[in-house]
Amino acid sequence: MATEVTVEESPVGPVLRPAQDTELVILYLHGEPDGPDPILGRATELAERTGATVVCPRYRLAFPAAVIDAHAAYSYCQAAGPVVVVGAGLGAALATAMVVQLRDSEATAPRGVVLVSALLDLTLETRSLIFNATADDIARLRRRITEFARGTALTDARLSPLYANLHGLPPMQLLVAGTDPLLDDSLAFATRAARSRVPIDLRVWPESASFDAEAIPSIAAFTTARATAGAPA
C-alpha cells in the first residue's frame, strides 16, 4: 500500500497520518537518545505500507518517568483505534515493560508487539554484546543505561523485561541481525516467551544490510496481520 503521509505534532510527539486511514495505530517507541526525529523516515514507510497512523512519542530518558510517558502515549493511541506497539533498542525494553504492566492491570492489550534490535537485558552481560560491539560502544551504552536506571537494579523486570513474567502477553515479533550486539537479548527473550506460550515470530538476518532492507516490510506484514486478527482474547 502506497499513500501520502502527513506529519503533525501531538501532545505526545510526532504523528504520521496516511491519506487513507485504516483506523489502525502503530505506537513506535524509539530507542534514540535525542528523541524520535531520527526514526521518522522509517515511521513514514510504515504508514505508507500499512495505512496506519504512526505515533512516535517523546519520553523522558529516565526510569520510571519513561514508562509513565509510554503509557500516556498508548492511551493517546487507543483513543484513535486498535494499537500495535513497535519498540526499537531501549524502546523495546520500554514497550515490553509497558505491555507487562497493561497485562497486570487487566487493561486492553495491543493487538501485537514488534521488538527491533531489542535491548531487553540491561545488565549488558550477553556474549553477543562482547563479540559484536567495541569496548567504546559498550562503555557508551553502560553510561546511558546507568543514567536511565537512576539507581534501580538492572535485573528489575520493570527495566529488563527478560526477567519479567511473560505469560499472557499478546503475539510478538522479534527482528534482529546475527551481527547485532543485542542478538542474544532477542534469542533469550524469544525462548522465555515461547515457554510462556506467547505467540512468537523470531526473525534473524545474517547481517545488518539485509536486516535494514527487510525489517520495515516484516513489521508492516505483521502489523497488517494483527489488524485483521481482531482483538486479543
Protein backbone atom coordinates (compact mmCIF):
# COMPACT_ATOMS: atom_id res chain seq x y z
CA MET A 1 0.00 0.00 0.00
CA ALA A 2 1.42 3.39 -1.01
CA THR A 3 -0.23 6.55 0.25
CA GLU A 4 0.60 10.15 1.03
CA VAL A 5 1.67 10.71 4.63
CA THR A 6 1.47 13.95 6.59
CA VAL A 7 3.34 14.73 9.82
CA GLU A 8 1.79 16.71 12.64
CA GLU A 9 2.63 17.42 16.26
CA SER A 10 0.52 15.96 19.07
CA PRO A 11 0.60 16.20 22.87
CA VAL A 12 2.77 13.06 22.96
CA GLY A 13 5.01 13.66 19.93
CA PRO A 14 5.04 13.46 16.11
CA VAL A 15 2.09 11.72 14.44
CA LEU A 16 2.27 10.45 10.86
CA ARG A 17 -1.11 10.17 9.19
CA PRO A 18 -1.75 8.44 5.86
CA ALA A 19 -4.26 9.99 3.49
CA GLN A 20 -6.42 6.86 3.65
CA ASP A 21 -6.73 5.98 7.32
CA THR A 22 -7.32 2.30 8.18
CA GLU A 23 -8.06 3.16 11.86
CA LEU A 24 -5.08 1.04 12.95
CA VAL A 25 -2.50 2.87 15.08
CA ILE A 26 1.18 1.98 15.48
CA LEU A 27 2.86 3.22 18.65
CA TYR A 28 6.55 3.43 17.71
CA LEU A 29 8.75 3.69 20.81
CA HIS A 30 12.15 4.78 19.55
CA GLY A 31 15.46 3.94 21.20
CA GLU A 32 17.23 7.16 20.27
CA PRO A 33 18.94 9.32 22.92
CA ASP A 34 17.90 12.50 21.09
CA GLY A 35 14.21 11.80 20.59
CA PRO A 36 12.10 10.37 17.77
CA ASP A 37 13.25 12.52 14.86
CA PRO A 38 15.85 10.00 13.55
CA ILE A 39 13.17 7.32 13.09
CA LEU A 40 10.57 9.45 11.27
CA GLY A 41 11.74 8.12 7.90
CA ARG A 42 11.11 4.53 8.99
CA ALA A 43 7.82 5.57 10.55
CA THR A 44 6.76 7.19 7.28
CA GLU A 45 7.48 3.97 5.40
CA LEU A 46 5.42 2.03 7.94
CA ALA A 47 2.50 4.41 7.47
CA GLU A 48 2.81 4.07 3.69
CA ARG A 49 2.95 0.28 3.76
CA THR A 50 0.16 -0.29 6.32
CA GLY A 51 -2.16 2.69 6.06
CA ALA A 52 -1.83 3.01 9.84
CA THR A 53 -1.38 6.19 11.81
CA VAL A 54 2.09 6.04 13.38
CA VAL A 55 2.66 7.81 16.70
CA CYS A 56 6.31 8.47 17.64
CA PRO A 57 6.20 9.72 21.22
CA ARG A 58 8.80 11.65 23.11
CA TYR A 59 9.63 10.23 26.51
CA ARG A 60 11.86 11.21 29.39
CA LEU A 61 15.16 9.35 29.39
CA ALA A 62 14.90 8.14 32.97
CA PHE A 63 13.07 5.40 34.86
CA PRO A 64 10.24 5.34 35.88
CA ALA A 65 9.25 8.53 34.03
CA ALA A 66 9.82 6.86 30.66
CA VAL A 67 7.28 4.14 31.46
CA ILE A 68 4.74 6.75 32.55
CA ASP A 69 5.25 8.59 29.26
CA ALA A 70 4.87 5.35 27.29
CA HIS A 71 1.53 4.65 28.99
CA ALA A 72 0.35 8.17 28.19
CA ALA A 73 1.24 7.65 24.53
CA TYR A 74 -0.55 4.29 24.50
CA SER A 75 -3.70 5.89 25.91
CA TYR A 76 -3.49 8.55 23.20
CA CYS A 77 -3.26 5.83 20.55
CA GLN A 78 -6.13 3.80 21.99
CA ALA A 79 -8.47 6.74 21.55
CA ALA A 80 -7.89 6.52 17.78
CA GLY A 81 -8.21 2.78 17.18
CA PRO A 82 -6.65 -0.65 17.75
CA VAL A 83 -2.92 -0.46 18.50
CA VAL A 84 0.20 -2.38 17.55
CA VAL A 85 3.30 -1.44 19.57
CA VAL A 86 6.77 -1.27 17.98
CA GLY A 87 9.86 -0.80 20.13
CA ALA A 88 13.46 -0.42 18.95
CA GLY A 89 16.62 -0.70 21.05
CA LEU A 90 15.94 0.69 24.52
CA GLY A 91 12.44 1.49 23.25
CA ALA A 92 11.87 -2.28 23.03
CA ALA A 93 12.52 -2.63 26.77
CA LEU A 94 10.13 0.24 27.39
CA ALA A 95 7.47 -1.28 25.11
CA THR A 96 7.68 -4.69 26.77
CA ALA A 97 7.64 -3.28 30.30
CA MET A 98 4.55 -1.27 29.38
CA VAL A 99 2.76 -4.30 27.93
CA VAL A 100 3.56 -6.36 31.04
CA GLN A 101 2.02 -3.61 33.19
CA LEU A 102 -1.05 -3.49 30.95
CA ARG A 103 -1.49 -7.24 31.46
CA ASP A 104 -1.08 -6.94 35.23
CA SER A 105 -3.66 -4.15 35.41
CA GLU A 106 -6.05 -6.08 33.12
CA ALA A 107 -6.09 -3.14 30.71
CA THR A 108 -6.70 -3.61 27.00
CA ALA A 109 -3.62 -5.12 25.39
CA PRO A 110 -2.29 -4.07 21.99
CA ARG A 111 -3.05 -6.32 19.02
CA GLY A 112 0.64 -7.20 18.82
CA VAL A 113 4.16 -6.09 19.71
CA VAL A 114 7.25 -5.82 17.49
CA LEU A 115 10.72 -5.62 19.05
CA VAL A 116 13.50 -4.44 16.75
CA SER A 117 17.16 -4.93 17.72
CA ALA A 118 15.80 -5.11 21.23
CA LEU A 119 17.66 -4.21 24.41
CA LEU A 120 15.88 -6.45 26.92
CA ASP A 121 18.59 -7.23 29.48
CA LEU A 122 20.07 -4.01 30.82
CA THR A 123 22.81 -5.84 32.72
CA LEU A 124 24.68 -5.90 29.37
CA GLU A 125 26.33 -9.24 30.09
CA THR A 126 25.49 -11.17 26.93
CA ARG A 127 28.10 -12.82 24.74
CA SER A 128 26.81 -11.18 21.55
CA LEU A 129 27.46 -7.76 23.08
CA ILE A 130 31.03 -8.74 23.91
CA PHE A 131 31.66 -10.32 20.49
CA ASN A 132 29.91 -7.79 18.25
CA ALA A 133 30.47 -4.40 19.94
CA THR A 134 33.63 -2.39 20.54
CA ALA A 135 34.78 -1.52 24.03
CA ASP A 136 33.88 2.12 23.39
CA ASP A 137 30.37 1.16 22.24
CA ILE A 138 29.83 -0.92 25.37
CA ALA A 139 31.12 1.87 27.61
CA ARG A 140 28.74 4.40 25.99
CA LEU A 141 25.82 2.01 26.36
CA ARG A 142 26.66 1.36 30.02
CA ARG A 143 26.71 5.10 30.72
CA ARG A 144 23.35 5.53 29.04
CA ILE A 145 21.82 2.63 30.98
CA THR A 146 23.19 3.96 34.28
CA GLU A 147 21.63 7.36 33.59
CA PHE A 148 18.34 5.74 32.59
CA ALA A 149 18.09 3.33 35.55
CA ARG A 150 18.63 6.03 38.20
CA GLY A 151 19.80 3.51 40.78
CA THR A 152 17.19 0.82 40.08
CA ALA A 153 18.67 -2.69 39.97
CA LEU A 154 19.34 -3.64 36.36
CA THR A 155 17.74 -7.06 36.92
CA ASP A 156 14.47 -5.39 37.94
CA ALA A 157 11.87 -6.69 35.48
CA ARG A 158 10.47 -3.17 35.02
CA LEU A 159 13.82 -2.24 33.45
CA SER A 160 14.93 -5.56 31.97
CA PRO A 161 11.82 -7.37 30.69
CA LEU A 162 13.88 -10.50 30.01
CA TYR A 163 13.36 -11.17 33.75
CA ALA A 164 9.61 -10.49 33.72
CA ASN A 165 6.73 -12.94 33.89
CA LEU A 166 5.78 -13.18 30.21
CA HIS A 167 2.59 -15.24 30.47
CA GLY A 168 -0.44 -13.73 28.77
CA LEU A 169 1.35 -11.25 26.54
CA PRO A 170 -0.01 -10.56 23.04
CA PRO A 171 1.62 -12.01 19.90
CA MET A 172 5.14 -10.68 19.42
CA GLN A 173 7.61 -10.38 16.55
CA LEU A 174 11.35 -10.03 17.23
CA LEU A 175 13.66 -8.78 14.47
CA VAL A 176 17.46 -8.75 14.71
CA ALA A 177 20.64 -9.27 12.70
CA GLY A 178 23.05 -12.06 13.52
CA THR A 179 25.83 -9.48 13.80
CA ASP A 180 23.86 -7.26 16.21
CA PRO A 181 25.43 -6.80 19.66
CA LEU A 182 21.91 -7.27 21.07
CA LEU A 183 21.27 -10.59 19.28
CA ASP A 184 21.31 -12.62 22.49
CA ASP A 185 18.63 -10.41 24.06
CA SER A 186 16.18 -11.39 21.32
CA LEU A 187 17.14 -15.07 21.38
CA ALA A 188 16.80 -15.37 25.16
CA PHE A 189 13.54 -13.42 25.24
CA ALA A 190 12.02 -15.47 22.41
CA THR A 191 12.88 -18.67 24.28
CA ARG A 192 11.32 -17.48 27.55
CA ALA A 193 8.24 -16.11 25.79
CA ALA A 194 7.70 -19.34 23.86
CA ARG A 195 7.91 -21.32 27.11
CA SER A 196 5.20 -18.98 28.44
CA ARG A 197 3.05 -19.80 25.39
CA VAL A 198 3.31 -16.34 23.90
CA PRO A 199 2.96 -16.49 20.09
CA ILE A 200 6.44 -15.56 18.82
CA ASP A 201 7.72 -14.71 15.35
CA LEU A 202 11.52 -14.52 15.64
CA ARG A 203 13.44 -13.43 12.53
CA VAL A 204 17.24 -13.28 12.41
CA TRP A 205 19.06 -11.92 9.36
CA PRO A 206 22.68 -12.95 8.71
CA GLU A 207 23.98 -9.39 8.61
CA SER A 208 22.89 -5.79 9.06
CA ALA A 209 22.42 -4.90 5.37
CA SER A 210 19.67 -7.46 4.80
CA PHE A 211 18.16 -6.63 8.19
CA ASP A 212 18.00 -2.92 7.33
CA ALA A 213 16.39 -3.69 3.97
CA GLU A 214 13.76 -6.12 5.21
CA ALA A 215 12.85 -5.06 8.74
CA ILE A 216 10.20 -2.48 7.82
CA PRO A 217 8.42 -4.80 5.34
CA SER A 218 8.39 -7.50 8.04
CA ILE A 219 6.92 -5.10 10.61
CA ALA A 220 4.30 -3.99 8.08
CA ALA A 221 3.27 -7.57 7.29
CA PHE A 222 3.00 -8.49 10.98
CA THR A 223 1.05 -5.30 11.74
CA THR A 224 -1.41 -5.88 8.92
CA ALA A 225 -1.94 -9.47 10.01
CA ARG A 226 -2.58 -8.43 13.61
CA ALA A 227 -5.02 -5.72 12.48
CA THR A 228 -7.16 -8.32 10.72
CA ALA A 229 -6.84 -10.89 13.52
CA GLY A 230 -9.13 -8.96 15.85
CA ALA A 231 -8.72 -8.07 19.49
CA PRO A 232 -6.70 -10.39 21.74
CA ALA A 233 -8.64 -12.87 23.84
